[in-house]
Protein backbone atom coordinates (compact mmCIF):
# COMPACT_ATOMS: atom_id res chain seq x y z
CA MET A 1 -55.96 -89.07 147.36
CA THR A 2 -57.49 -87.98 144.09
CA GLY A 3 -58.53 -84.59 142.79
CA GLY A 4 -56.74 -81.28 142.93
CA PRO A 5 -55.74 -79.49 146.15
CA GLU A 6 -59.15 -77.86 146.65
CA GLN A 7 -61.00 -81.17 146.33
CA GLN A 8 -58.47 -82.84 148.64
CA PHE A 9 -59.04 -80.06 151.20
CA LEU A 10 -62.82 -80.54 151.00
CA ASN A 11 -62.37 -84.30 151.44
CA PHE A 12 -60.32 -83.65 154.60
CA LEU A 13 -63.09 -81.38 155.92
CA LYS A 14 -65.59 -84.20 155.38
CA GLU A 15 -63.32 -86.33 157.61
CA GLY A 16 -63.40 -83.58 160.25
CA LYS A 17 -59.80 -82.48 159.60
CA PHE A 18 -58.54 -78.93 159.02
CA MET A 19 -55.46 -79.40 156.85
CA LEU A 20 -52.92 -76.98 155.40
CA GLN A 21 -50.40 -77.38 152.64
CA LYS A 22 -46.79 -77.11 153.82
CA VAL A 23 -43.86 -76.39 151.52
CA GLU A 24 -41.16 -78.87 152.58
CA GLU A 25 -38.16 -76.73 151.56
CA THR A 26 -39.24 -73.57 153.42
CA GLY A 27 -41.64 -74.84 156.07
CA GLU A 28 -44.19 -72.25 154.88
CA HIS A 29 -47.85 -73.15 155.35
CA VAL A 30 -50.28 -72.28 152.56
CA PHE A 31 -53.99 -71.52 152.64
CA TYR A 32 -56.25 -71.53 150.49
CA PRO A 33 -55.29 -74.90 148.92
CA ARG A 34 -53.81 -74.49 145.47
CA VAL A 35 -51.50 -76.03 142.94
CA LEU A 36 -48.00 -74.91 143.91
CA ALA A 37 -45.03 -74.36 141.61
CA THR A 38 -43.93 -77.70 140.19
CA SER A 39 -40.46 -77.29 141.70
CA ALA A 40 -41.92 -77.02 145.20
CA LYS A 41 -42.42 -80.21 147.20
CA TRP A 42 -45.32 -79.94 149.60
CA THR A 43 -47.36 -82.11 151.89
CA TRP A 44 -50.61 -81.90 153.81
CA VAL A 45 -50.31 -81.26 157.57
CA GLU A 46 -53.04 -80.91 160.17
CA ALA A 47 -53.53 -77.31 161.29
CA SER A 48 -53.21 -76.57 164.99
CA GLY A 49 -56.51 -74.71 164.76
CA GLN A 50 -55.11 -71.92 166.94
CA GLY A 51 -55.19 -68.33 165.77
CA THR A 52 -56.04 -64.73 166.56
CA VAL A 53 -58.55 -62.35 165.05
CA TYR A 54 -56.68 -60.07 162.65
CA SER A 55 -59.73 -58.16 161.40
CA SER A 56 -63.49 -58.55 161.60
CA THR A 57 -66.81 -57.19 160.47
CA VAL A 58 -70.35 -57.62 161.72
CA ILE A 59 -73.02 -58.49 159.18
CA ARG A 60 -76.33 -56.95 160.26
CA GLN A 61 -79.54 -58.67 159.29
CA ARG A 62 -83.05 -59.02 160.61
CA PRO A 63 -83.69 -61.65 163.30
CA GLU A 64 -86.00 -63.57 160.98
CA LYS A 65 -83.06 -63.95 158.58
CA GLY A 66 -80.77 -65.33 161.31
CA GLY A 67 -79.69 -62.15 163.07
CA ASP A 68 -76.28 -60.49 163.17
CA PHE A 69 -73.08 -62.49 162.77
CA CYS A 70 -69.34 -61.88 162.62
CA VAL A 71 -66.98 -62.71 159.78
CA ALA A 72 -63.30 -62.50 160.69
CA LEU A 73 -59.90 -62.69 159.11
CA VAL A 74 -58.03 -65.06 161.45
CA GLU A 75 -54.25 -65.32 161.48
CA LEU A 76 -53.37 -68.95 162.15
CA SER A 77 -50.42 -69.79 164.41
CA GLU A 78 -48.87 -71.41 161.30
CA GLY A 79 -48.93 -68.05 159.49
CA PRO A 80 -51.69 -68.04 156.86
CA ARG A 81 -54.84 -65.99 157.28
CA VAL A 82 -58.30 -67.52 156.91
CA ILE A 83 -61.66 -65.80 156.46
CA SER A 84 -64.46 -67.50 158.35
CA ARG A 85 -67.39 -67.01 160.65
CA LEU A 86 -66.93 -66.59 164.40
CA VAL A 87 -69.43 -68.55 166.48
CA ASP A 88 -70.38 -68.76 170.16
CA ILE A 89 -69.72 -65.04 170.72
CA ASP A 90 -71.83 -61.93 170.40
CA PRO A 91 -70.63 -60.29 167.15
CA ASP A 92 -70.22 -56.94 168.91
CA GLU A 93 -67.83 -58.53 171.46
CA VAL A 94 -65.23 -59.62 168.88
CA ARG A 95 -61.96 -57.69 169.14
CA ILE A 96 -58.70 -57.64 167.18
CA GLY A 97 -56.24 -60.02 168.85
CA LEU A 98 -58.96 -62.29 170.28
CA PRO A 99 -57.50 -65.82 170.58
CA VAL A 100 -59.66 -68.33 168.70
CA THR A 101 -59.77 -72.03 167.91
CA ALA A 102 -60.99 -73.62 164.68
CA SER A 103 -63.51 -76.39 164.40
CA VAL A 104 -64.86 -78.26 161.41
CA GLN A 105 -68.63 -78.23 161.46
CA MET A 106 -71.69 -78.38 159.30
CA ALA A 107 -72.86 -74.82 158.91
CA ASP A 108 -76.48 -73.87 159.36
CA TRP A 109 -75.82 -70.82 157.18
CA LYS A 110 -74.70 -72.67 154.03
CA TRP A 111 -76.98 -74.10 151.39
CA GLU A 112 -74.50 -76.85 150.45
CA ASP A 113 -73.97 -80.06 152.36
CA THR A 114 -70.29 -79.31 152.92
CA PRO A 115 -68.44 -78.88 156.21
CA VAL A 116 -66.77 -75.54 156.91
CA ILE A 117 -64.16 -74.15 159.25
CA ALA A 118 -65.58 -71.89 161.95
CA PHE A 119 -63.77 -70.24 164.84
CA ARG A 120 -64.83 -69.69 168.44
CA PRO A 121 -63.11 -67.87 171.30
CA ARG A 122 -60.34 -70.01 172.78
CA GLY A 123 -61.45 -71.78 175.95
CA LEU A 124 -64.98 -72.38 174.65
CA GLU A 125 -64.00 -75.23 172.31
CA GLN A 126 -64.07 -77.96 174.97
CA ALA A 127 -67.27 -76.78 176.65
CA ASN A 128 -69.14 -76.80 173.33
CA ASP A 129 -67.68 -79.99 171.87
CA GLU A 130 -68.58 -82.25 174.82
């Protein structure tokens, strides 16, 4: 795979995969993708996609601009924290500790033609992906 870690990550997203870097010596998972110390050996591993809401905020905007939405800091089961949008839930219903699952999707809120990681409450992923 060519390109630096960020480009490789974006290429994985285009394939529908949410990947993390993993340091082989320590087992530590790393997010956001970056060039690691040259002495560290690392590999790409598929993320479980499971996590919990660590913190969140509601962005308020007029309905004609898309309405309110929630942005959350999600702690992945592998350890790293990821900032992303929560979908399929009323923004005012999001609580710290809410179990969530990641999905790779094309976002209707982005101006670029690039897939993103979004999270939804755990248990809703199968109902909405069928």
